[in-house]
């Protein structure tokens, strides 16, 4: 990992001991861009990275920057005109004045929910009459949480589905059936086999908003819209069903189709240095790559039939194991 190209959400974890609840990163296994257009998605927590709010007596350049970002978020929340949620803004401001920052190992611009974990931590600490993870989480409560988090996270991206903070807050796999139908789900137990889901580090910082803008412009084209509904969404839905049912053979068949569609139609979201590697996986059938989040850099998500074999093939790249099956 190139240190200069990896930016942490606030401060590097373990430099100081964590205080308060931890909130984990997330991985959107399936559904990038699809969830914007009301199709299916599947997100899982990724506890390899985590963050928590902390107050420290000593300030560094990194903690000071985080503290200033929290101040901007405080101002944004202070000006929100909504009946969805109320915050203890006075307490939030006092903590900011006392040097509070978000101590996190979650990389920014990598598609694993750095801002989502921060939003979840703010809601958990400062929301008045908050919906807690201990109560009966009905679909209405989940939808309300998603709406609240969408409003909060829009501070960072201009437009947010609210899914990242929801996943981080609940720390549960979440199945998105549509914008108004979401539910916690379980990943079927799989005896650890050769196959795996992994992350490939592009060593490039991605930015969500420009990628989403590219996508929205593409959606103005009738041909792209047709491809999106008939191919991209269809293959995504099939992959989600296969994954949740534990149908590995069908999953890899549908993953190949999805990977091809993404390479052919979402090239601006794939760093150019990885176009050849992407096609190599499709041609060899050893692995299939897909976007992790909005793309443009950060992590690329991979599905390998034999992870140990793929690790040797891609030994020049930094791979992180997410899930074996």
Protein backbone atom coordinates (compact mmCIF):
# COMPACT_ATOMS: atom_id res chain seq x y z
CA UNK A 1 0.00 0.00 0.00
CA UNK A 2 1.34 3.37 -0.99
CA UNK A 3 1.07 5.51 2.13
CA UNK A 4 0.74 8.73 0.17
CA UNK A 5 -2.29 7.44 -1.68
CA UNK A 6 -4.20 6.11 1.29
CA UNK A 7 -6.08 8.64 3.37
CA UNK A 8 -7.76 7.66 6.62
CA UNK A 9 -11.11 9.04 7.62
CA UNK A 10 -9.59 10.91 10.52
CA UNK A 11 -6.86 9.46 12.65
CA UNK A 12 -4.93 6.24 12.37
CA UNK A 13 -6.40 3.62 14.65
CA UNK A 14 -4.28 2.26 17.51
CA UNK A 15 -2.24 5.43 17.83
CA UNK A 16 -4.53 6.12 20.78
CA UNK A 17 -6.81 3.56 22.46
CA UNK A 18 -10.39 3.61 21.25
CA UNK A 19 -13.12 5.10 23.41
CA UNK A 20 -16.84 4.53 22.94
CA UNK A 21 -18.73 2.19 20.58
CA UNK A 22 -16.97 0.92 17.49
CA UNK A 23 -18.57 1.21 14.07
CA UNK A 24 -17.39 -1.00 11.25
CA UNK A 25 -16.73 -0.52 7.58
CA UNK A 26 -19.14 -2.04 5.08
CA UNK A 27 -18.92 -3.80 1.75
CA UNK A 28 -21.71 -3.56 -0.81
CA UNK A 29 -21.34 -7.02 -2.30
CA UNK A 30 -23.95 -6.36 -4.98
CA UNK A 31 -26.05 -3.41 -6.03
CA UNK A 32 -23.67 -0.52 -6.74
CA UNK A 33 -25.62 2.06 -8.75
CA UNK A 34 -28.58 -0.33 -8.82
CA UNK A 35 -29.77 0.81 -5.41
CA UNK A 36 -29.91 4.38 -6.72
CA UNK A 37 -32.46 3.16 -9.27
CA UNK A 38 -34.54 1.08 -6.87
CA UNK A 39 -33.16 -2.38 -7.63
CA UNK A 40 -31.66 -4.99 -5.33
CA UNK A 41 -28.52 -4.74 -3.22
CA UNK A 42 -26.70 -6.72 -0.54
CA UNK A 43 -24.38 -5.10 2.00
CA UNK A 44 -22.33 -6.72 4.75
CA UNK A 45 -20.31 -5.28 7.66
CA UNK A 46 -16.53 -5.53 7.31
CA UNK A 47 -14.93 -5.49 10.75
CA UNK A 48 -11.39 -5.41 9.37
CA UNK A 49 -11.78 -1.60 9.55
CA UNK A 50 -13.49 0.35 12.31
CA UNK A 51 -13.83 3.75 13.89
CA UNK A 52 -15.06 5.49 17.06
CA UNK A 53 -15.52 9.01 18.40
CA UNK A 54 -12.83 10.05 20.84
CA UNK A 55 -11.78 13.08 22.83
CA UNK A 56 -8.06 13.58 23.33
CA UNK A 57 -6.06 16.14 25.28
CA UNK A 58 -3.30 16.22 22.69
CA UNK A 59 -4.06 17.32 19.13
CA UNK A 60 -2.20 16.31 15.99
CA UNK A 61 -2.62 17.62 12.47
CA UNK A 62 -4.83 14.64 11.63
CA UNK A 63 -7.03 14.87 14.73
CA UNK A 64 -7.36 18.62 14.26
CA UNK A 65 -8.54 18.11 10.67
CA UNK A 66 -11.08 15.55 11.84
CA UNK A 67 -12.27 17.92 14.57
CA UNK A 68 -12.80 20.68 12.00
CA UNK A 69 -14.76 18.29 9.78
CA UNK A 70 -16.99 17.43 12.73
CA UNK A 71 -17.58 21.15 13.24
CA UNK A 72 -18.74 21.43 9.60
CA UNK A 73 -21.02 18.45 10.10
CA UNK A 74 -22.40 20.05 13.26
CA UNK A 75 -23.27 23.21 11.30
CA UNK A 76 -24.92 21.13 8.58
CA UNK A 77 -27.05 19.23 11.09
CA UNK A 78 -27.93 22.48 12.88
CA UNK A 79 -29.48 23.83 9.69
CA UNK A 80 -31.46 20.72 8.74
CA UNK A 81 -35.19 21.32 8.43
CA UNK A 82 -36.66 17.90 9.14
CA UNK A 83 -39.10 16.10 11.42
CA UNK A 84 -37.28 12.80 10.97
CA UNK A 85 -34.69 13.29 13.69
CA UNK A 86 -33.53 15.67 16.44
CA UNK A 87 -30.02 15.90 17.84
CA UNK A 88 -28.44 17.00 21.08
CA UNK A 89 -26.63 19.75 19.22
CA UNK A 90 -25.49 21.49 22.39
CA UNK A 91 -23.72 18.36 23.60
CA UNK A 92 -22.26 17.77 20.14
CA UNK A 93 -20.79 21.28 20.05
CA UNK A 94 -19.35 21.01 23.58
CA UNK A 95 -17.57 17.77 22.63
CA UNK A 96 -16.22 19.33 19.43
CA UNK A 97 -14.92 22.30 21.44
CA UNK A 98 -13.22 19.81 23.75
CA UNK A 99 -11.30 18.32 20.81
CA UNK A 100 -13.46 15.37 19.74
CA UNK A 101 -12.45 13.56 16.54
CA UNK A 102 -13.25 10.31 14.74
CA UNK A 103 -10.48 7.79 15.35
CA UNK A 104 -10.70 5.44 12.38
CA UNK A 105 -8.82 2.91 10.30
CA UNK A 106 -11.41 3.01 7.51
CA UNK A 107 -9.77 4.33 4.32
CA UNK A 108 -11.51 7.23 2.60
CA UNK A 109 -12.34 6.99 -1.08
CA UNK A 110 -12.08 3.19 -1.05
CA UNK A 111 -15.77 2.25 -1.21
CA UNK A 112 -15.96 0.68 2.24
CA UNK A 113 -18.06 3.26 4.07
CA UNK A 114 -15.74 5.66 5.89
CA UNK A 115 -18.35 8.42 6.06
CA UNK A 116 -21.06 5.86 6.87
CA UNK A 117 -19.30 4.75 10.04
CA UNK A 118 -18.86 8.38 11.11
CA UNK A 119 -22.54 9.16 10.50
CA UNK A 120 -23.57 6.06 12.47
CA UNK A 121 -21.41 7.11 15.40
CA UNK A 122 -22.88 10.64 15.44
CA UNK A 123 -26.44 9.32 15.30
CA UNK A 124 -25.72 6.81 18.07
CA UNK A 125 -24.25 9.44 20.40
CA UNK A 126 -26.36 12.53 19.71
CA UNK A 127 -29.74 11.53 18.24
CA UNK A 128 -32.66 12.18 20.60
CA UNK A 129 -35.17 9.30 20.90
CA UNK A 130 -32.98 7.24 18.58
CA UNK A 131 -34.00 3.89 17.16
CA UNK A 132 -31.71 1.37 18.84
CA UNK A 133 -30.39 -1.95 17.58
CA UNK A 134 -31.88 -3.66 20.66
CA UNK A 135 -35.51 -3.01 19.76
CA UNK A 136 -37.75 -4.84 17.31
CA UNK A 137 -36.49 -3.49 14.00
CA UNK A 138 -39.61 -3.44 11.84
CA UNK A 139 -39.39 -2.54 8.15
CA UNK A 140 -40.83 0.88 8.99
CA UNK A 141 -38.09 1.52 11.56
CA UNK A 142 -35.39 0.35 9.16
CA UNK A 143 -36.77 2.60 6.44
CA UNK A 144 -36.85 5.56 8.82
CA UNK A 145 -33.24 4.90 9.86
CA UNK A 146 -32.22 4.70 6.20
CA UNK A 147 -33.96 8.03 5.50
CA UNK A 148 -32.26 9.69 8.48
CA UNK A 149 -28.86 8.37 7.46
CA UNK A 150 -29.43 9.45 3.86
CA UNK A 151 -30.09 12.97 5.08
CA UNK A 152 -27.02 12.99 7.32
CA UNK A 153 -24.58 11.43 4.85
CA UNK A 154 -25.64 13.80 2.08
CA UNK A 155 -23.30 16.23 3.82
CA UNK A 156 -20.40 14.20 2.43
CA UNK A 157 -21.60 13.09 -1.02
CA UNK A 158 -24.35 15.45 -2.10
CA UNK A 159 -26.62 12.41 -2.53
CA UNK A 160 -26.65 9.30 -0.35
CA UNK A 161 -28.78 6.17 -0.16
CA UNK A 162 -28.19 6.01 3.61
CA UNK A 163 -27.22 2.36 3.27
CA UNK A 164 -23.61 2.67 4.44
CA UNK A 165 -24.45 4.25 7.81
CA UNK A 166 -27.36 1.83 8.25
CA UNK A 167 -25.08 -1.16 7.73
CA UNK A 168 -22.47 0.27 10.07
CA UNK A 169 -25.05 1.15 12.73
CA UNK A 170 -26.76 -2.27 12.72
CA UNK A 171 -23.60 -4.30 12.02
CA UNK A 172 -25.76 -6.82 10.17
CA UNK A 173 -25.98 -7.97 6.55
CA UNK A 174 -28.73 -5.96 4.86
CA UNK A 175 -30.81 -7.00 1.86
CA UNK A 176 -32.17 -4.11 -0.19
CA UNK A 177 -35.19 -5.29 -2.15
CA UNK A 178 -36.08 -1.72 -3.17
CA UNK A 179 -35.71 1.79 -1.78
CA UNK A 180 -38.73 1.18 0.47
CA UNK A 181 -38.14 -2.47 1.28
CA UNK A 182 -35.03 -3.36 3.25
CA UNK A 183 -34.42 -6.09 5.78
CA UNK A 184 -31.64 -7.65 7.84
CA UNK A 185 -30.57 -10.96 6.36
CA UNK A 186 -28.23 -13.81 7.11
CA UNK A 187 -25.38 -15.14 5.03
CA UNK A 188 -25.68 -18.93 4.84
CA UNK A 189 -22.98 -20.84 6.66
CA UNK A 190 -20.48 -22.26 4.23
CA UNK A 191 -17.81 -24.76 5.08
CA UNK A 192 -14.64 -22.90 4.15
CA UNK A 193 -13.66 -23.95 0.67
CA UNK A 194 -11.34 -22.72 -2.07
CA UNK A 195 -13.65 -19.94 -3.26
CA UNK A 196 -13.54 -16.45 -1.78
CA UNK A 197 -14.67 -12.86 -1.97
CA UNK A 198 -11.68 -10.50 -1.85
CA UNK A 199 -10.71 -6.86 -2.16
CA UNK A 200 -8.09 -5.67 -4.64
CA UNK A 201 -6.38 -2.38 -3.78
CA UNK A 202 -6.19 -0.01 -6.76
CA UNK A 203 -3.99 2.40 -4.74
CA UNK A 204 -6.08 5.23 -6.16
CA UNK A 205 -8.40 7.43 -4.13
CA UNK A 206 -11.92 7.40 -5.55
CA UNK A 207 -14.53 10.13 -5.23
CA UNK A 208 -18.19 9.20 -5.04
CA UNK A 209 -19.91 12.31 -6.34
CA UNK A 210 -18.15 12.55 -9.76
CA UNK A 211 -18.79 8.85 -10.41
CA UNK A 212 -22.47 9.17 -9.53
CA UNK A 213 -22.71 12.21 -11.84
CA UNK A 214 -21.24 10.16 -14.70
CA UNK A 215 -23.77 7.42 -14.04
CA UNK A 216 -26.72 9.81 -13.91
CA UNK A 217 -25.66 11.34 -17.24
CA UNK A 218 -25.36 7.87 -18.78
CA UNK A 219 -28.89 7.08 -17.59
CA UNK A 220 -30.17 9.82 -19.91
CA UNK A 221 -29.25 7.52 -22.79
CA UNK A 222 -32.04 5.10 -23.76
CA UNK A 223 -29.60 2.34 -24.73
CA UNK A 224 -27.79 2.55 -21.39
CA UNK A 225 -31.11 2.49 -19.50
CA UNK A 226 -32.15 -0.63 -21.42
CA UNK A 227 -28.84 -2.35 -20.66
CA UNK A 228 -29.11 -1.34 -17.02
CA UNK A 229 -32.58 -2.81 -16.46
CA UNK A 230 -32.30 -5.87 -18.72
CA UNK A 231 -28.70 -6.90 -18.04
CA UNK A 232 -27.03 -5.16 -15.10
CA UNK A 233 -29.99 -5.32 -12.69
CA UNK A 234 -30.96 -8.83 -13.83
CA UNK A 235 -27.47 -10.26 -13.25
CA UNK A 236 -27.13 -8.38 -9.94
CA UNK A 237 -30.44 -9.78 -8.65
CA UNK A 238 -29.40 -13.29 -9.71
CA UNK A 239 -26.04 -12.98 -7.93
CA UNK A 240 -27.76 -11.86 -4.71
CA UNK A 241 -30.19 -14.79 -4.84
CA UNK A 242 -27.35 -17.25 -5.53
CA UNK A 243 -25.18 -15.85 -2.74
CA UNK A 244 -27.95 -15.96 -0.13
CA UNK A 245 -29.00 -19.47 -1.19
CA UNK A 246 -25.41 -20.73 -1.20
CA UNK A 247 -25.57 -21.78 -4.87
CA UNK A 248 -21.88 -21.39 -5.70
CA UNK A 249 -21.99 -22.79 -9.23
CA UNK A 250 -24.79 -20.48 -10.31
CA UNK A 251 -23.17 -17.55 -8.49
CA UNK A 252 -19.99 -17.75 -10.53
CA UNK A 253 -21.95 -18.12 -13.75
CA UNK A 254 -23.92 -14.96 -13.00
CA UNK A 255 -20.81 -13.19 -11.68
CA UNK A 256 -19.11 -13.72 -15.05
CA UNK A 257 -22.07 -12.12 -16.83
CA UNK A 258 -22.15 -9.22 -14.37
CA UNK A 259 -18.39 -8.63 -14.65
CA UNK A 260 -18.63 -8.51 -18.46
CA UNK A 261 -21.54 -6.04 -18.38
CA UNK A 262 -19.67 -3.76 -15.98
CA UNK A 263 -16.47 -3.84 -18.05
CA UNK A 264 -18.38 -3.02 -21.23
CA UNK A 265 -20.63 -0.30 -19.83
CA UNK A 266 -18.98 1.20 -16.73
CA UNK A 267 -15.44 1.77 -18.01
CA UNK A 268 -15.15 5.33 -16.57
CA UNK A 269 -15.70 3.84 -13.10
CA UNK A 270 -12.87 1.30 -13.57
CA UNK A 271 -9.32 2.70 -13.34
CA UNK A 272 -7.79 2.24 -16.80
CA UNK A 273 -4.81 0.30 -15.39
CA UNK A 274 -7.22 -2.47 -14.38
CA UNK A 275 -9.17 -2.95 -17.63
CA UNK A 276 -6.77 -5.68 -18.84
CA UNK A 277 -6.74 -7.43 -15.45
CA UNK A 278 -10.54 -7.31 -15.39
CA UNK A 279 -10.80 -9.00 -18.81
CA UNK A 280 -8.10 -11.50 -17.86
CA UNK A 281 -10.32 -12.80 -15.07
CA UNK A 282 -13.31 -13.18 -17.37
CA UNK A 283 -11.27 -14.98 -20.03
CA UNK A 284 -9.54 -17.34 -17.59
CA UNK A 285 -12.65 -17.95 -15.43
CA UNK A 286 -10.34 -17.95 -12.39
CA UNK A 287 -11.80 -14.78 -10.91
CA UNK A 288 -14.36 -12.08 -11.70
CA UNK A 289 -14.06 -8.43 -10.73
CA UNK A 290 -16.79 -5.88 -9.99
CA UNK A 291 -17.06 -2.39 -8.61
CA UNK A 292 -16.83 -1.87 -4.87
CA UNK A 293 -19.07 1.11 -4.24
CA UNK A 294 -19.04 3.85 -6.85
CA UNK A 295 -15.65 2.94 -8.32
CA UNK A 296 -13.16 5.39 -9.78
CA UNK A 297 -10.46 3.99 -7.50
CA UNK A 298 -10.34 2.54 -4.02
CA UNK A 299 -11.04 -1.15 -3.77
CA UNK A 300 -12.19 -3.44 -6.55
CA UNK A 301 -14.25 -6.41 -5.40
CA UNK A 302 -13.28 -9.87 -6.62
CA UNK A 303 -14.81 -13.35 -6.58
CA UNK A 304 -12.33 -16.21 -6.97
CA UNK A 305 -13.04 -19.90 -7.53
CA UNK A 306 -9.66 -20.79 -6.01
CA UNK A 307 -8.36 -17.93 -3.89
CA UNK A 308 -4.89 -19.41 -3.30
CA UNK A 309 -4.40 -19.77 -7.06
CA UNK A 310 -5.57 -16.20 -7.68
CA UNK A 311 -3.27 -14.86 -4.94
CA UNK A 312 -0.33 -16.27 -6.90
CA UNK A 313 -1.68 -14.92 -10.21
CA UNK A 314 -2.17 -11.45 -8.71
CA UNK A 315 0.91 -11.46 -6.50
CA UNK A 316 1.81 -7.96 -7.70
CA UNK A 317 -1.37 -6.61 -6.10
CA UNK A 318 -2.52 -6.19 -2.52
CA UNK A 319 -5.48 -8.52 -1.89
CA UNK A 320 -7.60 -8.69 1.27
CA UNK A 321 -9.72 -11.73 2.04
CA UNK A 322 -13.34 -10.89 2.91
CA UNK A 323 -15.21 -14.20 2.93
CA UNK A 324 -14.36 -17.83 2.14
CA UNK A 325 -16.88 -20.34 0.87
